[in-house]
Amino acid sequence: MMISQAVADGIRTGRISMQYRRWDAPRVKVGRTQLTPAGLVEFVSVTRVPDVEALTDRQARAAGMPDAAALRRALAPRERPPGPRGSRGGAHVYRVRVRWVGEDPRIALRERIPDEAEMAELVAAVDRLDARATGPWTRRILEWIRRHPRVVSTQLAAELGRDVLPMKVDIRKLKALGLTISHDVGYELSPRGVAYLERDRGFERRAEVS
């Protein structure tokens, strides 16, 4: 479920406690969590709304909307090509109760320097990312970010000869391992990312000596 920065911030402070979505069937599971721009959010309950016209201003404000009229407009069905699934976005409206349950776990992860066992797991995880038909790619991106912190992503894409959006997807995979930090402009290596690259360089220096 897409949750914007503004909504995520509202959930974190407790100002927002529910969201509404038009789906054919619920797309979230009660008890599950989702990582948002403001940390982890839990889905507390999911219930179908039988009458959208009965939504109140209070319910709308709890969803981060100014009033019920604005919420109803946001939930209005939109036309899509004829088919068995009905209106685009789904045939039913669901109320999803949400609550903030913790910080982004990647924040703590990126500050943690891995011990020998954890480093072995990290190396294996990066190797899995590199094991694709186009060949290894992680080292080149990490090295570039290390040399050019907080440089706009379009420059990195041009340097690597890649499209920006697929490259950002790859960097998010490195971020999930705690190796990079995203900024409003560009990226930088986390302490964990620096430790990972230094580990590789150490192996390379020992190989050269031998």
Protein backbone atom coordinates (compact mmCIF):
# COMPACT_ATOMS: atom_id res chain seq x y z
CA MET A 1 0.00 0.00 0.00
CA MET A 2 1.47 3.33 -1.04
CA ILE A 3 1.96 5.70 1.91
CA SER A 4 3.32 9.17 1.21
CA GLN A 5 5.87 11.01 3.32
CA ALA A 6 3.21 13.40 4.66
CA VAL A 7 0.85 10.59 5.63
CA ALA A 8 3.67 8.53 7.15
CA ASP A 9 4.72 11.51 9.26
CA GLY A 10 1.11 11.89 10.43
CA ILE A 11 0.93 8.23 11.39
CA ARG A 12 4.17 8.57 13.32
CA THR A 13 2.85 11.48 15.39
CA GLY A 14 -0.55 9.83 15.89
CA ARG A 15 -2.42 12.52 13.99
CA ILE A 16 -3.38 9.96 11.32
CA SER A 17 -4.80 6.63 12.46
CA MET A 18 -6.56 5.30 9.39
CA GLN A 19 -6.39 5.18 5.63
CA TYR A 20 -9.00 4.44 2.99
CA ARG A 21 -8.44 2.56 -0.24
CA ARG A 22 -10.60 1.43 -3.15
CA TRP A 23 -9.78 -2.22 -3.83
CA ASP A 24 -11.55 -5.29 -5.18
CA ALA A 25 -10.28 -7.13 -2.08
CA PRO A 26 -8.00 -6.15 0.82
CA ARG A 27 -4.38 -5.83 -0.24
CA VAL A 28 -2.89 -5.69 3.25
CA LYS A 29 -2.98 -8.20 6.09
CA VAL A 30 -3.80 -7.37 9.69
CA GLY A 31 -0.72 -7.54 11.90
CA ARG A 32 1.73 -7.04 9.06
CA THR A 33 4.05 -4.03 8.95
CA GLN A 34 5.22 -1.85 6.11
CA LEU A 35 8.32 0.29 5.85
CA THR A 36 7.42 3.91 5.11
CA PRO A 37 9.41 7.16 4.83
CA ALA A 38 8.74 7.71 8.56
CA GLY A 39 9.43 4.20 9.83
CA LEU A 40 7.46 1.02 10.35
CA VAL A 41 3.67 1.15 10.19
CA GLU A 42 1.42 -1.71 11.32
CA PHE A 43 -1.95 -2.56 9.79
CA VAL A 44 -4.23 -2.92 12.82
CA SER A 45 -7.51 -3.72 11.08
CA VAL A 46 -9.07 -3.78 7.63
CA THR A 47 -12.84 -3.36 7.23
CA ARG A 48 -15.09 -2.72 4.28
CA VAL A 49 -16.94 0.61 4.23
CA PRO A 50 -20.54 -0.12 3.22
CA ASP A 51 -21.54 3.49 2.59
CA VAL A 52 -18.96 6.06 1.52
CA GLU A 53 -21.55 8.83 1.83
CA ALA A 54 -21.77 8.12 5.56
CA LEU A 55 -18.11 8.99 6.19
CA THR A 56 -17.74 11.88 8.64
CA ASP A 57 -15.43 14.86 8.83
CA ARG A 58 -13.85 13.34 11.93
CA GLN A 59 -13.05 10.13 10.08
CA ALA A 60 -11.66 12.11 7.17
CA ARG A 61 -9.34 14.12 9.44
CA ALA A 62 -8.12 10.89 11.04
CA ALA A 63 -7.09 9.86 7.52
CA GLY A 64 -5.25 13.12 6.90
CA MET A 65 -7.98 14.69 4.75
CA PRO A 66 -9.56 18.11 5.47
CA ASP A 67 -13.15 16.88 5.49
CA ALA A 68 -15.48 14.10 4.39
CA ALA A 69 -16.21 15.72 1.04
CA ALA A 70 -12.51 15.70 0.14
CA LEU A 71 -12.21 12.07 1.24
CA ARG A 72 -15.22 11.04 -0.85
CA ARG A 73 -13.75 12.78 -3.90
CA ALA A 74 -10.47 10.92 -3.40
CA LEU A 75 -12.35 7.63 -3.18
CA ALA A 76 -14.62 8.23 -6.16
CA PRO A 77 -14.43 5.36 -8.68
CA ARG A 78 -12.66 6.08 -11.94
CA GLU A 79 -13.55 4.55 -15.27
CA ARG A 80 -11.38 1.90 -16.84
CA PRO A 81 -11.79 -0.34 -19.88
CA PRO A 82 -14.74 -2.76 -19.63
CA GLY A 83 -13.92 -6.01 -17.88
CA PRO A 84 -14.85 -8.27 -14.99
CA ARG A 85 -13.14 -6.20 -12.29
CA GLY A 86 -15.33 -3.08 -12.38
CA SER A 87 -14.05 0.43 -11.68
CA ARG A 88 -10.35 1.19 -11.77
CA GLY A 89 -8.90 1.00 -8.29
CA GLY A 90 -11.43 -1.59 -7.12
CA ALA A 91 -15.11 -2.10 -6.54
CA HIS A 92 -15.12 -1.57 -2.77
CA VAL A 93 -13.80 0.94 -0.23
CA TYR A 94 -11.83 -0.35 2.75
CA ARG A 95 -10.83 1.35 5.98
CA VAL A 96 -7.32 0.43 7.15
CA ARG A 97 -6.44 1.32 10.74
CA VAL A 98 -2.74 2.01 11.09
CA ARG A 99 -0.22 2.83 13.79
CA TRP A 100 3.46 3.65 13.94
CA VAL A 101 5.49 0.87 15.58
CA GLY A 102 9.15 1.79 15.20
CA GLU A 103 12.04 3.34 13.38
CA ASP A 104 13.29 2.20 10.01
CA PRO A 105 15.44 -0.83 10.98
CA ARG A 106 17.93 0.11 8.27
CA ILE A 107 18.96 3.17 10.30
CA ALA A 108 20.41 1.02 13.08
CA LEU A 109 21.71 -1.53 10.59
CA ARG A 110 23.74 0.97 8.58
CA GLU A 111 25.59 2.12 11.72
CA ARG A 112 26.51 -1.41 12.79
CA ILE A 113 29.93 -2.67 11.77
CA PRO A 114 29.55 -6.39 11.03
CA ASP A 115 31.60 -8.96 12.90
CA GLU A 116 33.19 -11.84 11.03
CA ALA A 117 30.06 -14.00 10.92
CA GLU A 118 27.79 -11.14 9.91
CA MET A 119 30.28 -10.00 7.28
CA ALA A 120 30.17 -13.47 5.73
CA GLU A 121 26.37 -13.23 5.55
CA LEU A 122 26.62 -9.73 4.06
CA VAL A 123 29.11 -10.87 1.42
CA ALA A 124 26.81 -13.74 0.49
CA ALA A 125 23.85 -11.35 0.20
CA VAL A 126 25.79 -9.00 -2.08
CA ASP A 127 26.99 -11.95 -4.16
CA ARG A 128 23.36 -12.90 -4.72
CA LEU A 129 22.67 -9.40 -6.01
CA ASP A 130 25.60 -9.70 -8.38
CA ALA A 131 24.49 -13.09 -9.69
CA ARG A 132 22.37 -11.88 -12.56
CA ALA A 133 22.64 -12.21 -16.31
CA THR A 134 24.16 -8.75 -16.81
CA GLY A 135 26.98 -9.54 -14.39
CA PRO A 136 28.26 -8.00 -11.13
CA TRP A 137 27.24 -4.39 -10.49
CA THR A 138 27.30 -3.68 -6.76
CA ARG A 139 30.98 -2.83 -6.36
CA ARG A 140 30.98 -0.22 -9.10
CA ILE A 141 28.01 1.63 -7.63
CA LEU A 142 29.36 1.48 -4.08
CA GLU A 143 32.78 2.73 -5.14
CA TRP A 144 31.26 5.59 -7.11
CA ILE A 145 29.06 6.64 -4.19
CA ARG A 146 32.08 6.52 -1.91
CA ARG A 147 34.01 8.87 -4.21
CA HIS A 148 31.03 11.15 -4.93
CA PRO A 149 28.77 11.43 -1.88
CA ARG A 150 25.57 13.45 -2.20
CA VAL A 151 25.90 13.83 -5.97
CA VAL A 152 22.65 13.88 -7.95
CA SER A 153 21.54 10.43 -9.11
CA THR A 154 21.30 11.46 -12.76
CA GLN A 155 25.06 12.03 -12.78
CA LEU A 156 25.64 8.57 -11.32
CA ALA A 157 23.34 7.05 -13.95
CA ALA A 158 25.22 8.85 -16.73
CA GLU A 159 28.56 7.67 -15.33
CA LEU A 160 27.35 4.07 -15.25
CA GLY A 161 25.52 4.26 -18.57
CA ARG A 162 22.23 3.28 -16.95
CA ASP A 163 18.65 4.50 -16.79
CA VAL A 164 17.94 6.38 -13.57
CA LEU A 165 14.90 4.47 -12.27
CA PRO A 166 16.31 0.91 -12.58
CA MET A 167 19.55 2.16 -11.01
CA LYS A 168 17.61 3.60 -8.07
CA VAL A 169 15.93 0.23 -7.59
CA ASP A 170 19.38 -1.35 -7.36
CA ILE A 171 20.55 1.23 -4.84
CA ARG A 172 17.48 0.52 -2.71
CA LYS A 173 18.62 -3.11 -2.60
CA LEU A 174 21.97 -1.96 -1.24
CA LYS A 175 20.18 0.32 1.22
CA ALA A 176 18.14 -2.65 2.46
CA LEU A 177 21.45 -4.30 3.40
CA GLY A 178 22.47 -1.17 5.32
CA LEU A 179 25.24 -0.22 2.89
CA THR A 180 24.02 3.17 1.67
CA ILE A 181 22.24 6.26 2.98
CA SER A 182 19.81 8.21 0.81
CA HIS A 183 19.70 12.01 0.93
CA ASP A 184 17.48 14.60 -0.71
CA VAL A 185 20.25 14.80 -3.29
CA GLY A 186 22.35 11.72 -3.91
CA TYR A 187 23.69 9.05 -1.60
CA GLU A 188 26.61 8.21 0.64
CA LEU A 189 28.07 5.04 2.08
CA SER A 190 27.04 4.10 5.58
CA PRO A 191 29.67 3.02 8.13
CA ARG A 192 28.56 -0.53 7.33
CA GLY A 193 29.08 0.12 3.61
CA VAL A 194 32.56 1.50 4.24
CA ALA A 195 33.43 -1.58 6.31
CA TYR A 196 32.19 -3.83 3.51
CA LEU A 197 34.36 -2.12 0.89
CA GLU A 198 37.39 -2.09 3.19
CA ARG A 199 36.93 -5.82 3.72
CA ASP A 200 37.03 -6.34 -0.06
CA ARG A 201 40.08 -4.12 -0.43
CA GLY A 202 41.84 -6.05 2.29
CA PHE A 203 41.30 -9.28 0.39
CA GLU A 204 42.57 -7.67 -2.80
CA ARG A 205 45.76 -6.39 -1.12
CA ARG A 206 46.49 -9.81 0.37
CA ALA A 207 45.93 -11.43 -3.02
CA GLU A 208 48.40 -9.02 -4.65
CA VAL A 209 51.07 -9.75 -2.04
CA SER A 210 50.69 -13.50 -2.40
